[in-house]
Amino acid sequence: MAKLPDVSNDVSLLKRFIRAVEDLPTQPSAMVEVAQNHAEILLRRLETPVRIAVAGPSGAGKSSLVNLLLGAPLAPTGEGRVLPTLLFEHSENEKTTVGWWDRPSKETAGHVIKAALKEQPDLISIGVDSPILKTLQLIDVSGLDRPGHDKDAVLALTQLADVLIWCSTISDKLGDDQAALVKMLPKRLTKNSLVVLTHADELSREQAEAAAAEVERGNGKDFLYVSYIATPQAWAGFHGEGNDPAAMWEQSGAPDVLADLLEVAVKTRKKEVEKIQRSIARQVVPFLNDVPMPPEETAPEPVITEPVEAAAVEPTPEPVPEPVAVPAQPTPEEPVAAPVEEASAATSGGAVLFEEWVAKLADLQNQVSTEEIDNDSDFVQAAQELVSDFLDELMDVETIPDDHDWLVAEFEKANDLMILLQFESGDRTTVDAAYIVAQLTDSLSYI
């Protein structure tokens, strides 16, 4: 079974560097302070679990699936109304926090979700002492298919999620209306997504497998995995009900759903960790010799977390990665040769990217001139698709210098803004979209 990467060495290195800077008897240099800020940001990213969002149309069984993954009935089900986003995270003490996008949050001891709903918050965070939440956060998002609530749902997914589980009833089979909803979401999220066909207890196992195969060939072809689940059957099997709980669990489809989820979570986490490790090597490691580093702490035993006990499989041990090496610092007698060839390649790659971007802009302008795009909403959508497609190219390019990772982040933020603009109305949205495109053009001209 796939296993989340062990980042204990990287966490230890960052903590020791931060502590070393804080313990300096004198004010650190400006460069060391910048490195400390980078280290604190990278540490927070490493310590944040993979964030799994469960979304889909009303009545698709999202909250029931969340409860199954938690192993406890915490998420309200069958409400018949749009609830705020629910975020389940690990906490040794039970607590409920109500939050808003534009004002401070409020925390209460215990699980008091019904009372929290009366506050009309944008987000409710529930602290649960559950093993799965030590490595994963679960986010229950509703309202995507409800006018007036869809923007809040997209905002929650844009700001909070790394991986998406899209729930669709097995009778709906991820229809065209749902496919249109998925297209509203950031591509960086939908690339790390899987479909779960719920209410599979309405069909035989053979019919459920046929339905999943049909979705895979149709609107589900862009998802990494398509599986099905009979949630009531899985719940009963997990809690040892019935004559043969193990068989109920196996036949419910839950093992495949959990395996797919873990596979996507591991893939997403590994990619994020690789990016963080590159940033550590570039932004922190060069300054390790500038501070008296504390001795390395013994790395804690990695936490092996299985989503639910019924699906437990003995994990395969993986080698502990080597700590990041500290490069020797050059002395005054050892001048550093400028990497002429690498810089040239990077500059060349940047020029090619800029030319490709300009060509895409020319195509967009041509669509406007020929009135192929003749209204504000079509322009904003076309601009967002341009940014999204170019972002995919940008993330695959290897000739951009390491210190230009900010460019990818800038395009990701721009893409998220473009998505939210599509929920606005009026000619101002066109002006905003055009401004974002101009800002990106300016940024690309610098690489």
Protein backbone atom coordinates (compact mmCIF):
# COMPACT_ATOMS: atom_id res chain seq x y z
CA MET A 1 0.00 0.00 0.00
CA ALA A 2 1.21 3.50 -0.84
CA LYS A 3 2.58 5.47 2.07
CA LEU A 4 2.92 9.19 2.71
CA PRO A 5 6.54 10.38 2.56
CA ASP A 6 8.49 10.72 5.78
CA VAL A 7 9.49 14.38 6.22
CA SER A 8 10.91 14.09 9.75
CA ASN A 9 14.46 14.97 8.63
CA ASP A 10 13.30 18.08 6.78
CA VAL A 11 11.11 19.16 9.72
CA SER A 12 14.03 18.65 12.13
CA LEU A 13 16.40 20.68 9.97
CA LEU A 14 13.96 23.60 9.65
CA LYS A 15 13.17 23.63 13.37
CA ARG A 16 16.85 23.58 14.30
CA PHE A 17 17.62 26.43 11.90
CA ILE A 18 14.73 28.55 13.19
CA ARG A 19 15.80 27.91 16.79
CA ALA A 20 19.43 28.73 15.97
CA VAL A 21 18.46 32.10 14.49
CA GLU A 22 16.21 32.90 17.47
CA ASP A 23 19.06 32.07 19.90
CA LEU A 24 21.63 34.33 18.22
CA PRO A 25 23.05 36.82 20.75
CA THR A 26 23.03 39.59 18.13
CA GLN A 27 20.70 40.71 15.39
CA PRO A 28 21.01 38.32 12.40
CA SER A 29 21.85 39.64 8.98
CA ALA A 30 19.02 40.60 6.66
CA MET A 31 19.70 37.54 4.49
CA VAL A 32 19.54 35.19 7.47
CA GLU A 33 16.25 36.78 8.59
CA VAL A 34 14.82 36.19 5.11
CA ALA A 35 16.00 32.57 5.28
CA GLN A 36 14.32 32.24 8.69
CA ASN A 37 11.03 33.52 7.24
CA HIS A 38 11.30 31.03 4.41
CA ALA A 39 12.01 28.24 6.90
CA GLU A 40 8.91 29.09 8.96
CA ILE A 41 6.68 29.07 5.86
CA LEU A 42 8.15 25.79 4.59
CA LEU A 43 7.76 24.22 8.05
CA ARG A 44 4.06 25.13 8.13
CA ARG A 45 3.61 23.55 4.71
CA LEU A 46 5.34 20.35 5.84
CA GLU A 47 3.25 20.14 9.01
CA THR A 48 -0.07 20.69 7.21
CA PRO A 49 -1.76 17.37 6.40
CA VAL A 50 -3.03 16.57 2.91
CA ARG A 51 -6.41 18.31 2.63
CA ILE A 52 -9.11 16.07 1.13
CA ALA A 53 -12.30 17.82 -0.01
CA VAL A 54 -15.51 15.84 -0.56
CA ALA A 55 -17.88 17.65 -2.92
CA GLY A 56 -20.73 16.98 -5.34
CA PRO A 57 -24.41 17.74 -5.86
CA SER A 58 -26.97 17.73 -3.05
CA GLY A 59 -28.03 14.27 -1.95
CA ALA A 60 -24.95 12.57 -3.36
CA GLY A 61 -23.88 11.11 0.00
CA LYS A 62 -20.91 13.42 0.66
CA SER A 63 -21.41 13.71 4.41
CA SER A 64 -22.10 9.99 4.79
CA LEU A 65 -18.79 9.25 3.06
CA VAL A 66 -17.00 11.74 5.34
CA ASN A 67 -18.49 10.02 8.39
CA LEU A 68 -17.35 6.64 7.09
CA LEU A 69 -13.80 7.93 6.66
CA LEU A 70 -13.90 9.40 10.17
CA GLY A 71 -15.44 6.24 11.62
CA ALA A 72 -17.96 8.40 13.53
CA PRO A 73 -21.24 10.18 12.64
CA LEU A 74 -19.96 13.75 13.02
CA ALA A 75 -20.99 15.41 9.74
CA PRO A 76 -24.72 16.24 9.61
CA THR A 77 -26.58 14.21 6.96
CA GLY A 78 -29.96 14.61 5.26
CA GLU A 79 -30.22 18.29 6.19
CA GLY A 80 -31.91 19.30 2.93
CA ARG A 81 -30.19 22.69 3.11
CA VAL A 82 -26.79 24.07 2.22
CA LEU A 83 -24.40 23.88 5.15
CA PRO A 84 -21.20 25.88 5.55
CA THR A 85 -17.96 24.12 4.73
CA LEU A 86 -17.03 21.60 7.45
CA LEU A 87 -13.34 20.97 8.07
CA PHE A 88 -12.36 17.98 10.20
CA GLU A 89 -8.83 18.19 11.61
CA HIS A 90 -6.83 16.41 14.28
CA SER A 91 -7.02 17.63 17.86
CA GLU A 92 -6.34 15.81 21.11
CA ASN A 93 -9.24 17.76 22.64
CA GLU A 94 -12.67 17.88 21.02
CA LYS A 95 -13.49 21.40 19.86
CA THR A 96 -15.62 23.31 17.37
CA THR A 97 -14.48 26.53 15.74
CA VAL A 98 -16.78 28.77 13.71
CA GLY A 99 -15.07 30.97 11.15
CA TRP A 100 -15.77 33.62 8.58
CA TRP A 101 -13.71 34.82 5.62
CA ASP A 102 -13.83 38.43 6.83
CA ARG A 103 -13.69 38.35 10.65
CA PRO A 104 -12.08 36.48 13.58
CA SER A 105 -13.15 32.92 14.42
CA LYS A 106 -14.68 31.65 17.68
CA GLU A 107 -13.71 28.40 19.41
CA THR A 108 -15.89 26.26 21.70
CA ALA A 109 -15.00 23.07 23.58
CA GLY A 110 -16.68 19.86 22.41
CA HIS A 111 -18.50 18.91 19.22
CA VAL A 112 -21.33 21.44 19.02
CA ILE A 113 -21.99 21.58 15.29
CA LYS A 114 -25.74 22.30 15.57
CA ALA A 115 -25.08 25.28 17.83
CA ALA A 116 -22.31 26.44 15.47
CA LEU A 117 -24.70 26.43 12.51
CA LYS A 118 -26.80 29.11 14.24
CA GLU A 119 -23.83 31.49 13.95
CA GLN A 120 -24.18 31.35 10.12
CA PRO A 121 -20.43 30.95 9.60
CA ASP A 122 -18.57 30.44 6.32
CA LEU A 123 -16.59 27.57 7.83
CA ILE A 124 -16.87 25.23 10.79
CA SER A 125 -13.70 23.46 11.93
CA ILE A 126 -14.17 20.35 14.07
CA GLY A 127 -11.25 19.05 16.11
CA VAL A 128 -11.32 15.24 16.37
CA ASP A 129 -8.88 12.83 18.01
CA SER A 130 -8.86 10.45 15.04
CA PRO A 131 -5.75 8.66 13.69
CA ILE A 132 -6.61 9.38 10.04
CA LEU A 133 -6.64 13.12 10.75
CA LYS A 134 -2.99 13.11 11.80
CA THR A 135 -2.04 12.83 8.13
CA LEU A 136 -5.21 13.92 6.34
CA GLN A 137 -7.78 16.67 6.78
CA LEU A 138 -11.33 16.03 5.57
CA ILE A 139 -13.43 18.88 4.16
CA ASP A 140 -17.16 18.52 3.51
CA VAL A 141 -18.20 21.09 0.88
CA SER A 142 -21.83 21.62 -0.14
CA GLY A 143 -23.68 24.16 -2.28
CA LEU A 144 -21.87 23.77 -5.60
CA ASP A 145 -25.16 23.03 -7.36
CA ARG A 146 -27.14 25.73 -5.53
CA PRO A 147 -27.28 29.27 -7.03
CA GLY A 148 -26.21 31.80 -4.43
CA HIS A 149 -24.02 29.24 -2.65
CA ASP A 150 -21.86 28.06 -5.55
CA LYS A 151 -19.31 30.87 -5.24
CA ASP A 152 -18.73 30.17 -1.53
CA ALA A 153 -18.26 26.47 -2.32
CA VAL A 154 -15.74 27.20 -5.08
CA LEU A 155 -13.92 29.64 -2.78
CA ALA A 156 -13.65 26.97 -0.07
CA LEU A 157 -12.30 24.41 -2.53
CA THR A 158 -9.89 26.95 -4.01
CA GLN A 159 -8.51 28.02 -0.63
CA LEU A 160 -8.60 24.80 1.38
CA ALA A 161 -8.26 21.65 -0.74
CA ASP A 162 -5.37 19.65 -2.21
CA VAL A 163 -7.34 16.57 -3.34
CA LEU A 164 -10.95 16.27 -4.50
CA ILE A 165 -13.38 13.39 -4.02
CA TRP A 166 -16.35 14.05 -6.29
CA CYS A 167 -19.48 12.21 -5.16
CA SER A 168 -22.18 11.34 -7.67
CA THR A 169 -25.05 8.91 -7.17
CA ILE A 170 -24.55 5.79 -9.21
CA SER A 171 -27.83 6.44 -11.04
CA ASP A 172 -26.64 9.90 -12.18
CA LYS A 173 -23.30 8.51 -13.42
CA LEU A 174 -21.60 11.91 -13.34
CA GLY A 175 -23.92 13.54 -15.87
CA ASP A 176 -23.15 16.56 -18.03
CA ASP A 177 -24.52 18.98 -15.43
CA GLN A 178 -22.02 17.67 -12.86
CA ALA A 179 -19.19 17.72 -15.40
CA ALA A 180 -19.95 21.42 -15.90
CA LEU A 181 -19.69 22.00 -12.14
CA VAL A 182 -16.30 20.28 -12.04
CA LYS A 183 -15.02 22.55 -14.82
CA MET A 184 -15.58 25.55 -12.53
CA LEU A 185 -12.92 24.26 -10.14
CA PRO A 186 -9.18 24.97 -10.25
CA LYS A 187 -7.40 22.60 -12.60
CA ARG A 188 -4.63 22.05 -10.04
CA LEU A 189 -7.35 20.50 -7.84
CA THR A 190 -9.21 18.49 -10.45
CA LYS A 191 -5.90 16.96 -11.57
CA ASN A 192 -5.76 15.36 -8.10
CA SER A 193 -9.28 14.01 -8.04
CA LEU A 194 -11.34 10.85 -8.01
CA VAL A 195 -15.01 10.05 -8.54
CA VAL A 196 -16.96 7.97 -6.03
CA LEU A 197 -20.33 6.68 -7.22
CA THR A 198 -22.55 6.48 -4.15
CA HIS A 199 -25.79 4.60 -3.40
CA ALA A 200 -24.28 1.50 -4.99
CA ASP A 201 -26.46 -0.57 -2.64
CA GLU A 202 -29.27 0.09 -5.16
CA LEU A 203 -27.48 -2.14 -7.71
CA SER A 204 -25.82 -5.53 -7.81
CA ARG A 205 -22.04 -5.60 -7.63
CA GLU A 206 -21.82 -6.41 -11.35
CA GLN A 207 -24.10 -3.49 -12.21
CA ALA A 208 -22.08 -1.15 -10.00
CA GLU A 209 -18.83 -2.19 -11.67
CA ALA A 210 -20.41 -1.67 -15.11
CA ALA A 211 -21.61 1.82 -14.07
CA ALA A 212 -18.12 2.76 -12.87
CA ALA A 213 -16.60 1.54 -16.14
CA GLU A 214 -19.13 3.62 -18.09
CA VAL A 215 -18.25 6.76 -16.13
CA GLU A 216 -14.54 6.08 -16.70
CA ARG A 217 -15.12 6.10 -20.44
CA GLY A 218 -17.33 9.21 -20.30
CA ASN A 219 -17.27 12.32 -18.12
CA GLY A 220 -14.96 10.64 -15.61
CA LYS A 221 -12.09 10.17 -18.03
CA ASP A 222 -10.18 13.18 -16.67
CA PHE A 223 -10.33 11.89 -13.07
CA LEU A 224 -7.52 9.71 -11.75
CA TYR A 225 -9.89 7.02 -10.45
CA VAL A 226 -13.56 6.09 -10.58
CA SER A 227 -14.96 3.73 -7.95
CA TYR A 228 -18.28 3.00 -6.25
CA ILE A 229 -19.46 2.50 -2.69
CA ALA A 230 -22.49 1.23 -0.82
CA THR A 231 -21.98 3.43 2.24
CA PRO A 232 -24.62 1.86 4.55
CA GLN A 233 -23.17 -1.57 3.85
CA ALA A 234 -19.62 -0.32 4.43
CA TRP A 235 -20.68 1.33 7.70
CA ALA A 236 -22.33 -1.86 8.94
CA GLY A 237 -19.30 -3.94 8.00
CA PHE A 238 -16.90 -1.53 9.63
CA HIS A 239 -18.88 -1.56 12.90
CA GLY A 240 -19.12 -5.35 12.97
CA GLU A 241 -22.82 -5.61 12.25
CA GLY A 242 -24.52 -8.53 10.48
CA ASN A 243 -23.51 -12.17 10.12
CA ASP A 244 -20.36 -11.53 8.06
CA PRO A 245 -19.05 -7.97 8.56
CA ALA A 246 -15.82 -8.64 6.67
CA ALA A 247 -17.73 -9.76 3.58
CA MET A 248 -20.06 -6.77 3.85
CA TRP A 249 -17.10 -4.44 4.01
CA GLU A 250 -15.37 -6.07 1.06
CA GLN A 251 -18.47 -6.13 -1.15
CA SER A 252 -19.39 -2.51 -0.36
CA GLY A 253 -16.60 -1.15 -2.56
CA ALA A 254 -15.02 0.70 0.38
CA PRO A 255 -11.58 -0.97 0.09
CA ASP A 256 -11.18 0.29 -3.49
CA VAL A 257 -12.32 3.80 -2.53
CA LEU A 258 -9.81 3.94 0.32
CA ALA A 259 -6.98 2.56 -1.82
CA ASP A 260 -7.69 5.11 -4.56
CA LEU A 261 -7.88 7.95 -2.04
CA LEU A 262 -4.59 7.01 -0.40
CA GLU A 263 -2.91 6.67 -3.80
CA VAL A 264 -3.97 10.18 -4.83
CA ALA A 265 -3.08 11.65 -1.43
CA VAL A 266 0.40 10.11 -1.55
CA LYS A 267 1.01 11.32 -5.10
CA THR A 268 -0.09 14.84 -4.19
CA ARG A 269 1.95 14.90 -0.99
CA LYS A 270 5.11 13.59 -2.67
CA LYS A 271 4.90 16.31 -5.32
CA GLU A 272 4.45 18.98 -2.65
CA VAL A 273 7.32 17.62 -0.54
CA GLU A 274 9.64 17.61 -3.56
CA LYS A 275 8.84 21.28 -4.17
CA ILE A 276 9.46 22.08 -0.51
CA GLN A 277 12.77 20.21 -0.47
CA ARG A 278 13.95 22.18 -3.51
CA SER A 279 13.01 25.38 -1.69
CA ILE A 280 14.87 24.25 1.45
CA ALA A 281 18.00 23.56 -0.59
CA ARG A 282 17.80 26.97 -2.24
CA GLN A 283 16.44 29.25 0.49
CA VAL A 284 17.67 27.74 3.77
CA VAL A 285 20.64 25.40 3.30
CA PRO A 286 23.04 28.13 2.04
CA PHE A 287 22.68 29.88 5.43
CA LEU A 288 23.11 26.90 7.76
CA ASN A 289 26.79 27.67 8.28
CA ASP A 290 25.95 31.26 9.26
CA VAL A 291 24.38 30.19 12.56
CA PRO A 292 25.41 27.74 15.32
CA MET A 293 23.06 24.87 14.54
CA PRO A 294 21.79 22.86 17.56
CA PRO A 295 22.53 19.13 17.54
CA GLU A 296 20.22 17.03 15.41
CA GLU A 297 17.32 15.56 17.32
CA THR A 298 16.40 11.91 17.08
CA ALA A 299 13.74 11.63 14.40
CA PRO A 300 10.39 10.46 15.80
CA GLU A 301 8.90 7.24 14.58
CA PRO A 302 6.70 8.00 11.56
CA VAL A 303 2.98 7.71 12.20
CA ILE A 304 1.45 4.93 10.10
CA THR A 305 -2.17 5.84 9.58
CA GLU A 306 -4.74 3.59 7.98
CA PRO A 307 -8.01 5.25 6.96
CA VAL A 308 -10.17 2.68 8.73
CA GLU A 309 -9.33 -0.47 10.60
CA ALA A 310 -11.29 -2.78 8.33
CA ALA A 311 -9.04 -1.86 5.41
CA ALA A 312 -5.82 -2.17 7.37
CA VAL A 313 -2.84 -3.61 5.53
CA GLU A 314 0.60 -4.04 7.03
CA PRO A 315 2.65 -1.13 5.62
CA THR A 316 5.87 -1.77 3.76
CA PRO A 317 8.83 -0.09 5.47
CA GLU A 318 10.52 2.61 3.46
CA PRO A 319 14.07 3.88 3.90
CA VAL A 320 14.37 7.09 5.86
CA PRO A 321 15.56 9.82 3.48
CA GLU A 322 19.00 11.30 4.04
CA PRO A 323 19.03 14.77 5.64
CA VAL A 324 19.65 17.71 3.36
CA ALA A 325 23.38 18.10 2.89
CA VAL A 326 25.01 21.39 3.85
CA PRO A 327 27.21 22.57 0.99
CA ALA A 328 30.69 23.80 1.82
CA GLN A 329 30.88 27.60 1.81
CA PRO A 330 33.50 29.07 -0.56
CA THR A 331 36.45 30.94 0.92
CA PRO A 332 37.69 34.29 -0.46
CA GLU A 333 40.43 32.39 -2.29
CA GLU A 334 37.83 30.24 -4.07
CA PRO A 335 35.80 32.48 -6.40
CA VAL A 336 32.55 30.95 -7.53
CA ALA A 337 32.32 30.49 -11.28
CA ALA A 338 29.11 31.81 -12.80
CA PRO A 339 26.93 29.02 -14.22
CA VAL A 340 26.91 30.55 -17.70
CA GLU A 341 25.46 27.55 -19.51
CA GLU A 342 22.64 27.00 -16.99
CA ALA A 343 21.72 30.67 -16.98
CA SER A 344 21.72 30.69 -20.74
CA ALA A 345 19.44 27.66 -20.86
CA ALA A 346 17.11 29.20 -18.32
CA THR A 347 17.01 32.50 -20.17
CA SER A 348 16.34 30.68 -23.41
CA GLY A 349 13.53 28.67 -21.79
CA GLY A 350 12.04 31.86 -20.38
CA ALA A 351 12.12 33.53 -23.79
CA VAL A 352 10.36 30.58 -25.39
CA LEU A 353 7.68 30.65 -22.69
CA PHE A 354 7.15 34.36 -23.17
CA GLU A 355 6.78 33.91 -26.93
CA GLU A 356 4.23 31.13 -26.40
CA TRP A 357 2.27 33.32 -23.97
CA VAL A 358 2.24 36.24 -26.41
CA ALA A 359 1.01 33.91 -29.16
CA LYS A 360 -1.86 32.75 -26.94
CA LEU A 361 -2.74 36.36 -26.15
CA ALA A 362 -2.80 37.15 -29.86
CA ASP A 363 -5.21 34.27 -30.38
CA LEU A 364 -7.45 35.58 -27.59
CA GLN A 365 -7.39 39.07 -29.12
CA ASN A 366 -8.28 37.61 -32.51
CA GLN A 367 -11.31 35.84 -31.00
CA VAL A 368 -12.48 39.20 -29.63
CA SER A 369 -11.83 41.03 -32.93
CA THR A 370 -13.79 38.47 -34.95
CA GLU A 371 -16.57 38.54 -32.34
CA GLU A 372 -16.13 34.84 -31.64
CA ILE A 373 -16.04 36.19 -28.09
CA ASP A 374 -18.73 38.85 -27.92
CA ASN A 375 -19.69 39.20 -24.24
CA ASP A 376 -18.08 39.71 -20.84
CA SER A 377 -18.69 36.24 -19.42
CA ASP A 378 -17.21 34.50 -22.48
CA PHE A 379 -14.12 36.72 -22.29
CA VAL A 380 -13.54 35.98 -18.61
CA GLN A 381 -13.99 32.25 -19.23
CA ALA A 382 -11.62 32.30 -22.21
CA ALA A 383 -9.02 34.25 -20.22
CA GLN A 384 -9.28 31.78 -17.32
CA GLU A 385 -8.83 28.81 -19.67
CA LEU A 386 -5.80 30.53 -21.21
CA VAL A 387 -4.22 30.99 -17.77
CA SER A 388 -5.11 27.45 -16.71
CA ASP A 389 -3.66 25.85 -19.86
CA PHE A 390 -0.49 27.91 -19.63
CA LEU A 391 -0.14 27.00 -15.96
CA ASP A 392 -0.06 23.33 -16.96
CA GLU A 393 2.76 24.06 -19.41
CA LEU A 394 4.60 26.15 -16.85
CA MET A 395 4.59 23.36 -14.27
CA ASP A 396 6.14 20.95 -16.78
CA VAL A 397 8.95 23.27 -17.87
CA GLU A 398 12.41 22.38 -16.53
CA THR A 399 14.37 25.28 -18.02
CA ILE A 400 13.04 27.94 -15.63
CA PRO A 401 15.53 28.74 -12.84
CA ASP A 402 14.72 27.36 -9.38
CA ASP A 403 14.32 30.88 -8.00
CA HIS A 404 11.35 31.42 -10.32
CA ASP A 405 8.98 29.09 -8.46
CA TRP A 406 7.11 32.26 -7.57
CA LEU A 407 5.92 32.44 -11.19
CA VAL A 408 3.99 29.19 -10.86
CA ALA A 409 2.46 30.45 -7.61
CA GLU A 410 1.47 33.70 -9.34
CA PHE A 411 -0.26 31.84 -12.16
CA GLU A 412 -2.04 29.57 -9.65
CA LYS A 413 -3.35 32.61 -7.76
CA ALA A 414 -4.39 34.29 -11.02
CA ASN A 415 -6.23 31.17 -12.12
CA ASP A 416 -8.11 31.02 -8.81
CA LEU A 417 -9.10 34.68 -9.15
CA MET A 418 -10.28 34.10 -12.71
CA ILE A 419 -12.49 31.25 -11.53
CA LEU A 420 -14.10 33.48 -8.89
CA LEU A 421 -14.57 36.28 -11.43
CA GLN A 422 -16.88 34.00 -13.40
CA PHE A 423 -19.40 34.27 -10.57
CA GLU A 424 -19.50 38.07 -10.85
CA SER A 425 -21.49 40.12 -13.32
CA GLY A 426 -20.98 43.43 -15.15
CA ASP A 427 -18.32 44.79 -17.48
CA ARG A 428 -15.95 45.30 -14.52
CA THR A 429 -15.16 41.58 -14.61
CA THR A 430 -13.73 41.98 -18.11
CA VAL A 431 -11.52 44.84 -16.93
CA ASP A 432 -10.31 42.79 -13.96
CA ALA A 433 -9.58 39.77 -16.14
CA ALA A 434 -7.67 41.89 -18.64
CA TYR A 435 -5.68 43.46 -15.79
CA ILE A 436 -4.72 40.03 -14.41
CA VAL A 437 -3.57 38.92 -17.87
CA ALA A 438 -1.49 42.11 -18.22
CA GLN A 439 0.14 41.50 -14.82
CA LEU A 440 1.06 37.96 -15.82
CA THR A 441 2.53 39.22 -19.07
CA ASP A 442 4.68 41.65 -17.13
CA SER A 443 5.86 38.87 -14.79
CA LEU A 444 6.74 36.56 -17.69
CA SER A 445 8.85 39.25 -19.30
CA TYR A 446 11.28 39.09 -16.37
CA ILE A 447 12.32 35.43 -16.70
